[in-house]
Amino acid sequence: MNTEANKTKIIQATSGWQLIDFKELWRYKDLLYFLTLRGIKARYAQSILGVSWAIIQPLFTTLVFTIVFGGLAKVDSDGMPYILFSYLALWPWNYFSGTLTESANSLIQNANMITKVYFPRMVLPLSSILSKLLDFVIAFVVVIGLLIYFKVSPGWGLLFLPVLIIQLLMTSLGIGMFLSAMAVKYRDVKHALTFVIQLLLYAAPVVYSTNAVPEQYQKFYILNPMVGVIEGFRGAFLDRPMPWEWIWPGSIVAIVFFVFGMFYFRRMERVFADVA
């Protein structure tokens, strides 16, 4: 028996709508770890403040929102200090918007790897999304500081925080897979994304409350997965009832985004090396 022949692995191009091969993805977990670590190091390379930017950026944005929307425009913050109200929204939103940008550019930035060596292409957008988790964790320090300063204690809703984070990850990964696959073929995605993310900021309750949206529009508005995530974060940390009526519709849409993004990525994967 020819043992060498038995060890030969034939790689064939995929066609049609394919599921992700999670077993294969697991075999490349070391590459995923390396690319995630590389993404973290590259972000803060030759930076004086280093990981402090993960705190400075959302904090200063929150201060601007507090002055403009909370002070000048007098936007209702549901009876809470506006800086706390807006930061609890910017915290998950910054992760979401950051992962869209990182994952959309992940395939183009690593075109040399795609054209020279085989590995599950899913590793690239996934590593981009995982590398941003460090910023998400570091930004939590400001949440603790604001809660202590305003003497606010989180409620039992904090137990459901993992559910909200999973919804956030599924939304980010689903849209990220879709955008990364599109960006390889259509370079306009890269240029349009910054503008689109700015628009999406005001399509989510970051600077205002979901209660401010007219009731006749809320049944469509809550289909945005980030609505449930943001209001869920506020409910969990501000000791309010969890707004499940806003969370579960967004959860369904997040699952749809994730499944569609996964299938679309796999369908386009076979042409990445040709057009990257």
C-alpha atoms as a PDB file:
ATOM      1  CA  MET A   1       0.000   0.000   0.000  1.00  0.00           C
ATOM      2  CA  ASN A   2       1.333   3.394  -0.963  1.00  0.00           C
ATOM      3  CA  THR A   3       1.175   5.363   2.276  1.00  0.00           C
ATOM      4  CA  GLU A   4       2.348   8.594   0.623  1.00  0.00           C
ATOM      5  CA  ALA A   5      -0.594   8.507  -1.785  1.00  0.00           C
ATOM      6  CA  ASN A   6      -2.977   8.061   1.121  1.00  0.00           C
ATOM      7  CA  LYS A   7      -1.672  11.252   2.696  1.00  0.00           C
ATOM      8  CA  THR A   8      -2.229  13.316  -0.422  1.00  0.00           C
ATOM      9  CA  LYS A   9      -5.051  15.818  -0.088  1.00  0.00           C
ATOM     10  CA  ILE A  10      -6.812  17.039  -3.199  1.00  0.00           C
ATOM     11  CA  ILE A  11      -8.196  20.578  -3.001  1.00  0.00           C
ATOM     12  CA  GLN A  12     -11.077  21.241  -5.325  1.00  0.00           C
ATOM     13  CA  ALA A  13     -12.859  24.491  -6.042  1.00  0.00           C
ATOM     14  CA  THR A  14     -16.247  24.816  -4.402  1.00  0.00           C
ATOM     15  CA  SER A  15     -19.325  25.644  -6.404  1.00  0.00           C
ATOM     16  CA  GLY A  16     -22.851  26.643  -5.536  1.00  0.00           C
ATOM     17  CA  TRP A  17     -24.008  27.396  -2.001  1.00  0.00           C
ATOM     18  CA  GLN A  18     -21.757  25.665   0.541  1.00  0.00           C
ATOM     19  CA  LEU A  19     -21.685  25.489   4.328  1.00  0.00           C
ATOM     20  CA  ILE A  20     -18.544  26.413   6.227  1.00  0.00           C
ATOM     21  CA  ASP A  21     -16.322  23.423   6.934  1.00  0.00           C
ATOM     22  CA  PHE A  22     -15.941  23.957  10.682  1.00  0.00           C
ATOM     23  CA  LYS A  23     -13.637  20.929  11.048  1.00  0.00           C
ATOM     24  CA  GLU A  24     -11.253  22.438   8.530  1.00  0.00           C
ATOM     25  CA  LEU A  25     -11.511  25.807  10.241  1.00  0.00           C
ATOM     26  CA  TRP A  26     -10.582  24.168  13.541  1.00  0.00           C
ATOM     27  CA  ARG A  27      -7.502  22.577  11.958  1.00  0.00           C
ATOM     28  CA  TYR A  28      -6.300  26.075  11.068  1.00  0.00           C
ATOM     29  CA  LYS A  29      -6.901  27.466  14.561  1.00  0.00           C
ATOM     30  CA  ASP A  30      -3.185  28.277  14.941  1.00  0.00           C
ATOM     31  CA  LEU A  31      -3.314  30.447  11.823  1.00  0.00           C
ATOM     32  CA  LEU A  32      -6.446  32.138  13.173  1.00  0.00           C
ATOM     33  CA  TYR A  33      -4.637  32.838  16.441  1.00  0.00           C
ATOM     34  CA  PHE A  34      -1.585  34.231  14.629  1.00  0.00           C
ATOM     35  CA  LEU A  35      -3.623  36.509  12.359  1.00  0.00           C
ATOM     36  CA  THR A  36      -5.705  37.756  15.309  1.00  0.00           C
ATOM     37  CA  LEU A  37      -2.548  38.559  17.266  1.00  0.00           C
ATOM     38  CA  ARG A  38      -1.001  40.200  14.204  1.00  0.00           C
ATOM     39  CA  GLY A  39      -4.094  42.388  13.791  1.00  0.00           C
ATOM     40  CA  ILE A  40      -3.850  43.554  17.409  1.00  0.00           C
ATOM     41  CA  LYS A  41      -0.136  44.333  17.144  1.00  0.00           C
ATOM     42  CA  ALA A  42      -0.505  46.112  13.793  1.00  0.00           C
ATOM     43  CA  ARG A  43      -3.232  48.368  15.149  1.00  0.00           C
ATOM     44  CA  TYR A  44      -1.061  49.706  17.956  1.00  0.00           C
ATOM     45  CA  ALA A  45       2.377  49.428  16.368  1.00  0.00           C
ATOM     46  CA  GLN A  46       4.514  52.565  16.900  1.00  0.00           C
ATOM     47  CA  SER A  47       1.684  54.157  18.875  1.00  0.00           C
ATOM     48  CA  ILE A  48       2.573  56.272  21.897  1.00  0.00           C
ATOM     49  CA  LEU A  49      -0.721  55.686  23.686  1.00  0.00           C
ATOM     50  CA  GLY A  50      -1.097  52.074  22.543  1.00  0.00           C
ATOM     51  CA  VAL A  51      -4.267  50.324  23.673  1.00  0.00           C
ATOM     52  CA  SER A  52      -5.360  53.540  25.423  1.00  0.00           C
ATOM     53  CA  TRP A  53      -6.899  54.531  22.086  1.00  0.00           C
ATOM     54  CA  ALA A  54      -9.583  51.903  22.747  1.00  0.00           C
ATOM     55  CA  ILE A  55     -10.703  54.130  25.633  1.00  0.00           C
ATOM     56  CA  ILE A  56      -9.893  57.588  24.267  1.00  0.00           C
ATOM     57  CA  GLN A  57     -11.814  57.293  21.004  1.00  0.00           C
ATOM     58  CA  PRO A  58     -15.255  56.244  22.360  1.00  0.00           C
ATOM     59  CA  LEU A  59     -14.898  58.464  25.427  1.00  0.00           C
ATOM     60  CA  PHE A  60     -14.205  61.641  23.465  1.00  0.00           C
ATOM     61  CA  THR A  61     -16.948  60.797  20.962  1.00  0.00           C
ATOM     62  CA  THR A  62     -19.323  60.376  23.893  1.00  0.00           C
ATOM     63  CA  LEU A  63     -18.289  63.758  25.292  1.00  0.00           C
ATOM     64  CA  VAL A  64     -19.033  65.404  21.935  1.00  0.00           C
ATOM     65  CA  PHE A  65     -22.423  63.662  21.742  1.00  0.00           C
ATOM     66  CA  THR A  66     -23.171  64.733  25.326  1.00  0.00           C
ATOM     67  CA  ILE A  67     -22.460  68.400  24.535  1.00  0.00           C
ATOM     68  CA  VAL A  68     -24.251  68.461  21.162  1.00  0.00           C
ATOM     69  CA  PHE A  69     -27.202  66.128  21.658  1.00  0.00           C
ATOM     70  CA  GLY A  70     -27.536  66.020  25.438  1.00  0.00           C
ATOM     71  CA  GLY A  71     -26.734  69.690  26.117  1.00  0.00           C
ATOM     72  CA  LEU A  72     -27.677  71.721  23.045  1.00  0.00           C
ATOM     73  CA  ALA A  73     -30.343  69.564  21.374  1.00  0.00           C
ATOM     74  CA  LYS A  74     -31.768  68.330  24.722  1.00  0.00           C
ATOM     75  CA  VAL A  75     -32.276  64.787  23.426  1.00  0.00           C
ATOM     76  CA  ASP A  76     -34.192  62.659  25.928  1.00  0.00           C
ATOM     77  CA  SER A  77     -31.987  60.066  27.630  1.00  0.00           C
ATOM     78  CA  ASP A  78     -34.780  58.210  29.471  1.00  0.00           C
ATOM     79  CA  GLY A  79     -33.965  59.961  32.729  1.00  0.00           C
ATOM     80  CA  MET A  80     -30.326  58.857  32.842  1.00  0.00           C
ATOM     81  CA  PRO A  81     -27.164  61.016  32.627  1.00  0.00           C
ATOM     82  CA  TYR A  82     -26.629  61.474  28.899  1.00  0.00           C
ATOM     83  CA  ILE A  83     -22.936  60.585  28.987  1.00  0.00           C
ATOM     84  CA  LEU A  84     -23.738  57.184  30.509  1.00  0.00           C
ATOM     85  CA  PHE A  85     -26.727  56.735  28.223  1.00  0.00           C
ATOM     86  CA  SER A  86     -24.705  57.389  25.064  1.00  0.00           C
ATOM     87  CA  TYR A  87     -21.549  55.532  26.082  1.00  0.00           C
ATOM     88  CA  LEU A  88     -23.467  52.310  26.700  1.00  0.00           C
ATOM     89  CA  ALA A  89     -24.605  52.600  23.077  1.00  0.00           C
ATOM     90  CA  LEU A  90     -21.256  53.650  21.593  1.00  0.00           C
ATOM     91  CA  TRP A  91     -19.495  50.759  23.325  1.00  0.00           C
ATOM     92  CA  PRO A  92     -21.143  47.977  21.238  1.00  0.00           C
ATOM     93  CA  TRP A  93     -21.611  50.260  18.222  1.00  0.00           C
ATOM     94  CA  ASN A  94     -17.894  51.016  17.914  1.00  0.00           C
ATOM     95  CA  TYR A  95     -17.162  47.301  17.936  1.00  0.00           C
ATOM     96  CA  PHE A  96     -19.779  46.676  15.249  1.00  0.00           C
ATOM     97  CA  SER A  97     -18.638  49.507  12.966  1.00  0.00           C
ATOM     98  CA  GLY A  98     -14.969  48.684  13.499  1.00  0.00           C
ATOM     99  CA  THR A  99     -15.427  45.026  12.589  1.00  0.00           C
ATOM    100  CA  LEU A 100     -17.258  45.951   9.385  1.00  0.00           C
ATOM    101  CA  THR A 101     -14.333  48.067   8.225  1.00  0.00           C
ATOM    102  CA  GLU A 102     -11.691  45.540   9.279  1.00  0.00           C
ATOM    103  CA  SER A 103     -13.435  42.479   7.840  1.00  0.00           C
ATOM    104  CA  ALA A 104     -14.401  44.200   4.566  1.00  0.00           C
ATOM    105  CA  ASN A 105     -10.728  44.952   3.877  1.00  0.00           C
ATOM    106  CA  SER A 106      -9.333  41.682   5.253  1.00  0.00           C
ATOM    107  CA  LEU A 107      -9.241  39.767   1.960  1.00  0.00           C
ATOM    108  CA  ILE A 108      -7.800  42.637  -0.072  1.00  0.00           C
ATOM    109  CA  GLN A 109      -5.090  43.359   2.494  1.00  0.00           C
ATOM    110  CA  ASN A 110      -4.048  39.709   2.496  1.00  0.00           C
ATOM    111  CA  ALA A 111      -4.232  39.150  -1.269  1.00  0.00           C
ATOM    112  CA  ASN A 112      -0.671  37.772  -1.341  1.00  0.00           C
ATOM    113  CA  MET A 113      -1.608  34.998   1.065  1.00  0.00           C
ATOM    114  CA  ILE A 114      -4.727  34.112  -0.903  1.00  0.00           C
ATOM    115  CA  THR A 115      -2.893  33.759  -4.198  1.00  0.00           C
ATOM    116  CA  LYS A 116       0.077  31.800  -2.842  1.00  0.00           C
ATOM    117  CA  VAL A 117      -1.136  29.318  -0.250  1.00  0.00           C
ATOM    118  CA  TYR A 118      -4.315  27.434   0.578  1.00  0.00           C
ATOM    119  CA  PHE A 119      -6.148  27.952   3.868  1.00  0.00           C
ATOM    120  CA  PRO A 120      -9.802  28.515   4.776  1.00  0.00           C
ATOM    121  CA  ARG A 121     -10.468  32.048   3.589  1.00  0.00           C
ATOM    122  CA  MET A 122     -12.935  32.463   6.435  1.00  0.00           C
ATOM    123  CA  VAL A 123      -9.922  32.810   8.748  1.00  0.00           C
ATOM    124  CA  LEU A 124      -9.282  36.340   7.453  1.00  0.00           C
ATOM    125  CA  PRO A 125     -12.594  38.095   8.296  1.00  0.00           C
ATOM    126  CA  LEU A 126     -12.888  36.004  11.455  1.00  0.00           C
ATOM    127  CA  SER A 127      -9.467  37.121  12.704  1.00  0.00           C
ATOM    128  CA  SER A 128     -10.413  40.749  12.022  1.00  0.00           C
ATOM    129  CA  ILE A 129     -13.519  40.398  14.145  1.00  0.00           C
ATOM    130  CA  LEU A 130     -11.709  38.598  16.967  1.00  0.00           C
ATOM    131  CA  SER A 131      -8.881  41.146  17.073  1.00  0.00           C
ATOM    132  CA  LYS A 132     -11.402  43.929  17.744  1.00  0.00           C
ATOM    133  CA  LEU A 133     -12.617  42.108  20.857  1.00  0.00           C
ATOM    134  CA  LEU A 134      -9.621  43.486  22.753  1.00  0.00           C
ATOM    135  CA  ASP A 135     -10.840  47.048  22.153  1.00  0.00           C
ATOM    136  CA  PHE A 136     -14.308  45.978  23.265  1.00  0.00           C
ATOM    137  CA  VAL A 137     -12.969  44.563  26.546  1.00  0.00           C
ATOM    138  CA  ILE A 138     -10.704  47.552  27.245  1.00  0.00           C
ATOM    139  CA  ALA A 139     -13.556  50.013  26.643  1.00  0.00           C
ATOM    140  CA  PHE A 140     -15.461  48.250  29.433  1.00  0.00           C
ATOM    141  CA  VAL A 141     -13.167  50.063  31.897  1.00  0.00           C
ATOM    142  CA  VAL A 142     -14.974  53.336  31.129  1.00  0.00           C
ATOM    143  CA  VAL A 143     -18.348  51.669  31.755  1.00  0.00           C
ATOM    144  CA  ILE A 144     -17.197  50.653  35.230  1.00  0.00           C
ATOM    145  CA  GLY A 145     -15.932  54.170  35.914  1.00  0.00           C
ATOM    146  CA  LEU A 146     -19.193  55.811  34.800  1.00  0.00           C
ATOM    147  CA  LEU A 147     -21.318  53.402  36.845  1.00  0.00           C
ATOM    148  CA  ILE A 148     -19.261  54.162  39.945  1.00  0.00           C
ATOM    149  CA  TYR A 149     -19.318  57.910  39.342  1.00  0.00           C
ATOM    150  CA  PHE A 150     -23.094  58.081  38.865  1.00  0.00           C
ATOM    151  CA  LYS A 151     -23.724  55.434  41.576  1.00  0.00           C
ATOM    152  CA  VAL A 152     -25.668  53.129  39.246  1.00  0.00           C
ATOM    153  CA  SER A 153     -25.805  49.409  39.984  1.00  0.00           C
ATOM    154  CA  PRO A 154     -26.436  46.882  37.186  1.00  0.00           C
ATOM    155  CA  GLY A 155     -29.453  44.616  37.587  1.00  0.00           C
ATOM    156  CA  TRP A 156     -30.171  40.940  36.955  1.00  0.00           C
ATOM    157  CA  GLY A 157     -30.334  41.731  33.259  1.00  0.00           C
ATOM    158  CA  LEU A 158     -26.543  41.564  33.299  1.00  0.00           C
ATOM    159  CA  LEU A 159     -26.923  37.769  33.204  1.00  0.00           C
ATOM    160  CA  PHE A 160     -28.244  38.096  29.649  1.00  0.00           C
ATOM    161  CA  LEU A 161     -25.207  40.085  28.477  1.00  0.00           C
ATOM    162  CA  PRO A 162     -23.661  36.979  26.785  1.00  0.00           C
ATOM    163  CA  VAL A 163     -26.831  36.652  24.683  1.00  0.00           C
ATOM    164  CA  LEU A 164     -26.457  40.246  23.514  1.00  0.00           C
ATOM    165  CA  ILE A 165     -22.760  39.766  22.767  1.00  0.00           C
ATOM    166  CA  ILE A 166     -23.546  36.656  20.696  1.00  0.00           C
ATOM    167  CA  GLN A 167     -26.127  38.662  18.738  1.00  0.00           C
ATOM    168  CA  LEU A 168     -23.535  41.406  18.241  1.00  0.00           C
ATOM    169  CA  LEU A 169     -20.940  38.878  17.028  1.00  0.00           C
ATOM    170  CA  MET A 170     -23.363  37.140  14.665  1.00  0.00           C
ATOM    171  CA  THR A 171     -24.411  40.444  13.136  1.00  0.00           C
ATOM    172  CA  SER A 172     -20.813  41.608  12.761  1.00  0.00           C
ATOM    173  CA  LEU A 173     -19.593  38.297  11.325  1.00  0.00           C
ATOM    174  CA  GLY A 174     -22.566  37.857   8.986  1.00  0.00           C
ATOM    175  CA  ILE A 175     -22.318  41.324   7.453  1.00  0.00           C
ATOM    176  CA  GLY A 176     -18.522  41.173   7.608  1.00  0.00           C
ATOM    177  CA  MET A 177     -18.400  37.955   5.569  1.00  0.00           C
ATOM    178  CA  PHE A 178     -20.760  39.427   3.002  1.00  0.00           C
ATOM    179  CA  LEU A 179     -18.828  42.692   2.671  1.00  0.00           C
ATOM    180  CA  SER A 180     -15.415  41.021   2.544  1.00  0.00           C
ATOM    181  CA  ALA A 181     -16.574  38.764  -0.296  1.00  0.00           C
ATOM    182  CA  MET A 182     -18.086  41.717  -2.162  1.00  0.00           C
ATOM    183  CA  ALA A 183     -15.038  43.938  -1.625  1.00  0.00           C
ATOM    184  CA  VAL A 184     -12.794  41.506  -3.508  1.00  0.00           C
ATOM    185  CA  LYS A 185     -14.866  41.809  -6.665  1.00  0.00           C
ATOM    186  CA  TYR A 186     -16.251  45.314  -6.235  1.00  0.00           C
ATOM    187  CA  ARG A 187     -13.666  47.759  -4.885  1.00  0.00           C
ATOM    188  CA  ASP A 188     -16.395  50.391  -4.492  1.00  0.00           C
ATOM    189  CA  VAL A 189     -17.356  48.675  -1.232  1.00  0.00           C
ATOM    190  CA  LYS A 190     -14.185  49.946   0.419  1.00  0.00           C
ATOM    191  CA  HIS A 191     -14.922  53.561  -0.520  1.00  0.00           C
ATOM    192  CA  ALA A 192     -18.636  53.459   0.264  1.00  0.00           C
ATOM    193  CA  LEU A 193     -18.324  51.712   3.615  1.00  0.00           C
ATOM    194  CA  THR A 194     -17.192  54.749   5.630  1.00  0.00           C
ATOM    195  CA  PHE A 195     -20.156  56.759   4.378  1.00  0.00           C
ATOM    196  CA  VAL A 196     -22.604  53.909   4.974  1.00  0.00           C
ATOM    197  CA  ILE A 197     -21.375  53.358   8.548  1.00  0.00           C
ATOM    198  CA  GLN A 198     -21.932  57.048   9.312  1.00  0.00           C
ATOM    199  CA  LEU A 199     -25.517  56.736   8.096  1.00  0.00           C
ATOM    200  CA  LEU A 200     -26.071  53.524  10.049  1.00  0.00           C
ATOM    201  CA  LEU A 201     -25.009  55.311  13.242  1.00  0.00           C
ATOM    202  CA  TYR A 202     -28.224  57.337  13.110  1.00  0.00           C
ATOM    203  CA  ALA A 203     -30.278  54.273  12.162  1.00  0.00           C
ATOM    204  CA  ALA A 204     -29.478  52.838  15.609  1.00  0.00           C
ATOM    205  CA  PRO A 205     -30.422  54.323  19.018  1.00  0.00           C
ATOM    206  CA  VAL A 206     -26.943  55.610  19.801  1.00  0.00           C
ATOM    207  CA  VAL A 207     -27.671  59.305  20.374  1.00  0.00           C
ATOM    208  CA  TYR A 208     -31.377  58.854  21.108  1.00  0.00           C
ATOM    209  CA  SER A 209     -33.698  56.327  22.716  1.00  0.00           C
ATOM    210  CA  THR A 210     -35.774  53.807  20.779  1.00  0.00           C
ATOM    211  CA  ASN A 211     -38.789  55.265  22.610  1.00  0.00           C
ATOM    212  CA  ALA A 212     -38.272  58.444  20.568  1.00  0.00           C
ATOM    213  CA  VAL A 213     -39.102  56.556  17.356  1.00  0.00           C
ATOM    214  CA  PRO A 214     -42.803  56.920  16.440  1.00  0.00           C
ATOM    215  CA  GLU A 215     -44.747  53.795  17.374  1.00  0.00           C
ATOM    216  CA  GLN A 216     -45.979  53.159  13.822  1.00  0.00           C
ATOM    217  CA  TYR A 217     -42.378  52.847  12.629  1.00  0.00           C
ATOM    218  CA  GLN A 218     -41.000  50.777  15.504  1.00  0.00           C
ATOM    219  CA  LYS A 219     -42.101  47.425  14.036  1.00  0.00           C
ATOM    220  CA  PHE A 220     -39.686  48.071  11.163  1.00  0.00           C
ATOM    221  CA  TYR A 221     -37.069  49.897  13.209  1.00  0.00           C
ATOM    222  CA  ILE A 222     -36.523  47.020  15.657  1.00  0.00           C
ATOM    223  CA  LEU A 223     -35.567  44.706  12.787  1.00  0.00           C
ATOM    224  CA  ASN A 224     -32.169  46.397  12.991  1.00  0.00           C
ATOM    225  CA  PRO A 225     -30.188  43.917  15.171  1.00  0.00           C
ATOM    226  CA  MET A 226     -28.210  46.748  16.754  1.00  0.00           C
ATOM    227  CA  VAL A 227     -31.391  48.244  18.209  1.00  0.00           C
ATOM    228  CA  GLY A 228     -31.921  45.240  20.468  1.00  0.00           C
ATOM    229  CA  VAL A 229     -28.213  45.011  21.302  1.00  0.00           C
ATOM    230  CA  ILE A 230     -27.888  48.665  22.317  1.00  0.00           C
ATOM    231  CA  GLU A 231     -31.143  48.834  24.281  1.00  0.00           C
ATOM    232  CA  GLY A 232     -30.260  45.484  25.853  1.00  0.00           C
ATOM    233  CA  PHE A 233     -26.898  46.851  27.020  1.00  0.00           C
ATOM    234  CA  ARG A 234     -28.653  49.847  28.527  1.00  0.00           C
ATOM    235  CA  GLY A 235     -31.215  47.649  30.234  1.00  0.00           C
ATOM    236  CA  ALA A 236     -28.542  45.327  31.641  1.00  0.00           C
ATOM    237  CA  PHE A 237     -26.266  48.025  33.069  1.00  0.00           C
ATOM    238  CA  LEU A 238     -28.922  50.548  34.130  1.00  0.00           C
ATOM    239  CA  ASP A 239     -31.001  47.990  36.062  1.00  0.00           C
ATOM    240  CA  ARG A 240     -34.019  48.199  33.767  1.00  0.00           C
ATOM    241  CA  PRO A 241     -36.295  45.465  32.425  1.00  0.00           C
ATOM    242  CA  MET A 242     -34.699  43.761  29.434  1.00  0.00           C
ATOM    243  CA  PRO A 243     -36.450  45.003  26.269  1.00  0.00           C
ATOM    244  CA  TRP A 244     -37.102  41.558  24.796  1.00  0.00           C
ATOM    245  CA  GLU A 245     -39.689  43.015  22.413  1.00  0.00           C
ATOM    246  CA  TRP A 246     -36.778  44.869  20.778  1.00  0.00           C
ATOM    247  CA  ILE A 247     -34.184  42.108  21.178  1.00  0.00           C
ATOM    248  CA  TRP A 248     -35.844  39.006  19.686  1.00  0.00           C
ATOM    249  CA  PRO A 249     -36.765  40.525  16.264  1.00  0.00           C
ATOM    250  CA  GLY A 250     -33.178  41.694  15.868  1.00  0.00           C
ATOM    251  CA  SER A 251     -31.931  38.259  16.938  1.00  0.00           C
ATOM    252  CA  ILE A 252     -33.829  36.622  14.082  1.00  0.00           C
ATOM    253  CA  VAL A 253     -32.416  39.140  11.599  1.00  0.00           C
ATOM    254  CA  ALA A 254     -28.903  38.596  13.023  1.00  0.00           C
ATOM    255  CA  ILE A 255     -29.229  34.850  12.382  1.00  0.00           C
ATOM    256  CA  VAL A 256     -30.423  35.543   8.828  1.00  0.00           C
ATOM    257  CA  PHE A 257     -27.439  37.869   8.265  1.00  0.00           C
ATOM    258  CA  PHE A 258     -25.045  35.258   9.621  1.00  0.00           C
ATOM    259  CA  VAL A 259     -26.416  32.362   7.545  1.00  0.00           C
ATOM    260  CA  PHE A 260     -26.664  34.413   4.342  1.00  0.00           C
ATOM    261  CA  GLY A 261     -23.196  35.918   4.844  1.00  0.00           C
ATOM    262  CA  MET A 262     -21.754  32.453   5.415  1.00  0.00           C
ATOM    263  CA  PHE A 263     -23.339  30.998   2.272  1.00  0.00           C
ATOM    264  CA  TYR A 264     -22.427  34.020   0.144  1.00  0.00           C
ATOM    265  CA  PHE A 265     -18.811  33.934   1.335  1.00  0.00           C
ATOM    266  CA  ARG A 266     -18.511  30.240   0.482  1.00  0.00           C
ATOM    267  CA  ARG A 267     -20.089  30.788  -2.914  1.00  0.00           C
ATOM    268  CA  MET A 268     -17.619  33.542  -3.803  1.00  0.00           C
ATOM    269  CA  GLU A 269     -14.607  31.851  -2.201  1.00  0.00           C
ATOM    270  CA  ARG A 270     -13.594  30.015  -5.370  1.00  0.00           C
ATOM    271  CA  VAL A 271     -12.943  33.279  -7.250  1.00  0.00           C
ATOM    272  CA  PHE A 272     -11.003  35.101  -4.508  1.00  0.00           C
ATOM    273  CA  ALA A 273      -7.580  34.096  -5.839  1.00  0.00           C
ATOM    274  CA  ASP A 274      -8.522  35.177  -9.365  1.00  0.00           C
ATOM    275  CA  VAL A 275      -9.654  38.703  -8.576  1.00  0.00           C
ATOM    276  CA  ALA A 276      -7.798  39.534  -5.335  1.00  0.00           C
END
